Structure formats: C-alpha cells, structure tokens
Amino acid sequence: MGGVPGRAWPWWLAGDSGQSTLEYALVLAAFLSMVAALGLAWHAARDGTLVRMATNAATHLVSGGTLAWLQDLLGF
C-alpha cells in the first residue's frame, strides 16, 4: 500500500498537501460571502430600504421639536 511500516496512516494522509486546499476553500468561502453581502446591500439601496430605515430612525427628531432635538444631541 505504500505506507510506512508500523504506522496506520496511508502515505497520502501523512503529507501536508491538504493545507493549501483548505486555505483556498476558506478564502473562497469568505470572498463569496462578501460578494453576497455586497449584493444584498446593493438591492437594499436600489429598492429604497436603506433610505426608509434611515428615515424611520430619524423621525423622532422631526416630530419632537427643539426639546427632543436637544435631548438627542446631548445624548451623544
């Protein structure tokens, strides 16, 4: 079988040639997840979801008047 006598591992498991394959797989998974996240952000921006979320988050400033604006400003 080509194995080293006295060892249970075959010769193809004894090497370290799988490390680069694992590294390429991890980098590919990270890259694909980044592309997918950018695609989701692009669709959210195109559909107006990001603007709607920002408007909903800032509506308390519009209706509250000067006192609410000052409280929000001093809260930072």
Protein backbone atom coordinates (compact mmCIF):
# COMPACT_ATOMS: atom_id res chain seq x y z
CA MET A 1 0.00 0.00 0.00
CA GLY A 2 2.96 2.32 0.17
CA GLY A 3 2.53 3.04 3.85
CA VAL A 4 5.29 3.43 6.36
CA PRO A 5 5.73 0.22 8.35
CA GLY A 6 4.48 0.48 11.90
CA ARG A 7 2.08 3.36 11.13
CA ALA A 8 -1.63 3.11 10.49
CA TRP A 9 -1.68 6.20 8.22
CA PRO A 10 -1.53 5.70 4.48
CA TRP A 11 1.11 7.67 2.63
CA TRP A 12 -1.39 10.23 1.29
CA LEU A 13 -2.55 11.19 4.77
CA ALA A 14 0.99 11.63 6.08
CA GLY A 15 1.75 14.62 3.85
CA ASP A 16 0.73 18.23 4.35
CA SER A 17 -0.54 18.88 0.82
CA GLY A 18 -4.13 19.40 2.00
CA GLN A 19 -3.33 22.61 3.84
CA SER A 20 -3.33 24.75 0.70
CA THR A 21 -6.62 23.22 -0.42
CA LEU A 22 -8.19 24.10 2.91
CA GLU A 23 -6.79 27.64 2.75
CA TYR A 24 -8.17 28.14 -0.76
CA ALA A 25 -11.57 26.82 0.35
CA LEU A 26 -11.67 29.21 3.32
CA VAL A 27 -10.64 32.21 1.22
CA LEU A 28 -13.21 31.29 -1.44
CA ALA A 29 -15.97 31.00 1.17
CA ALA A 30 -15.02 34.37 2.68
CA PHE A 31 -14.92 36.02 -0.74
CA LEU A 32 -18.29 34.59 -1.80
CA SER A 33 -19.92 35.68 1.45
CA MET A 34 -18.52 39.19 0.95
CA VAL A 35 -19.89 39.32 -2.61
CA ALA A 36 -23.28 38.10 -1.38
CA ALA A 37 -23.37 40.74 1.37
CA LEU A 38 -22.49 43.48 -1.12
CA GLY A 39 -25.23 42.21 -3.42
CA LEU A 40 -27.77 42.36 -0.61
CA ALA A 41 -26.66 45.89 0.29
CA TRP A 42 -26.95 46.90 -3.38
CA HIS A 43 -30.51 45.57 -3.62
CA ALA A 44 -31.48 47.26 -0.34
CA ALA A 45 -30.11 50.58 -1.60
CA ARG A 46 -31.76 50.18 -5.00
CA ASP A 47 -35.17 49.34 -3.54
CA GLY A 48 -35.07 52.26 -1.10
CA THR A 49 -34.93 50.08 2.00
CA LEU A 50 -31.86 51.86 3.37
CA VAL A 51 -33.43 55.28 2.92
CA ARG A 52 -36.65 54.09 4.55
CA MET A 53 -34.73 52.67 7.52
CA ALA A 54 -32.77 55.92 7.95
CA THR A 55 -35.98 57.96 7.71
CA ASN A 56 -37.73 55.78 10.28
CA ALA A 57 -34.77 56.10 12.63
CA ALA A 58 -34.74 59.91 12.31
CA THR A 59 -38.50 60.56 12.55
CA HIS A 60 -38.33 61.22 16.28
CA LEU A 61 -36.32 64.36 15.52
CA VAL A 62 -38.88 65.79 13.10
CA SER A 63 -41.96 65.48 15.30
CA GLY A 64 -40.40 66.21 18.68
CA GLY A 65 -39.46 69.84 18.22
CA THR A 66 -36.48 71.67 19.65
CA LEU A 67 -36.55 69.97 23.04
CA ALA A 68 -36.36 66.48 21.53
CA TRP A 69 -33.60 67.64 19.21
CA LEU A 70 -31.55 68.98 22.11
CA GLN A 71 -32.10 65.83 24.18
CA ASP A 72 -30.97 63.72 21.26
CA LEU A 73 -27.93 65.94 20.68
CA LEU A 74 -26.90 65.85 24.34
CA GLY A 75 -27.43 62.09 24.43
CA PHE A 76 -24.31 61.66 22.32
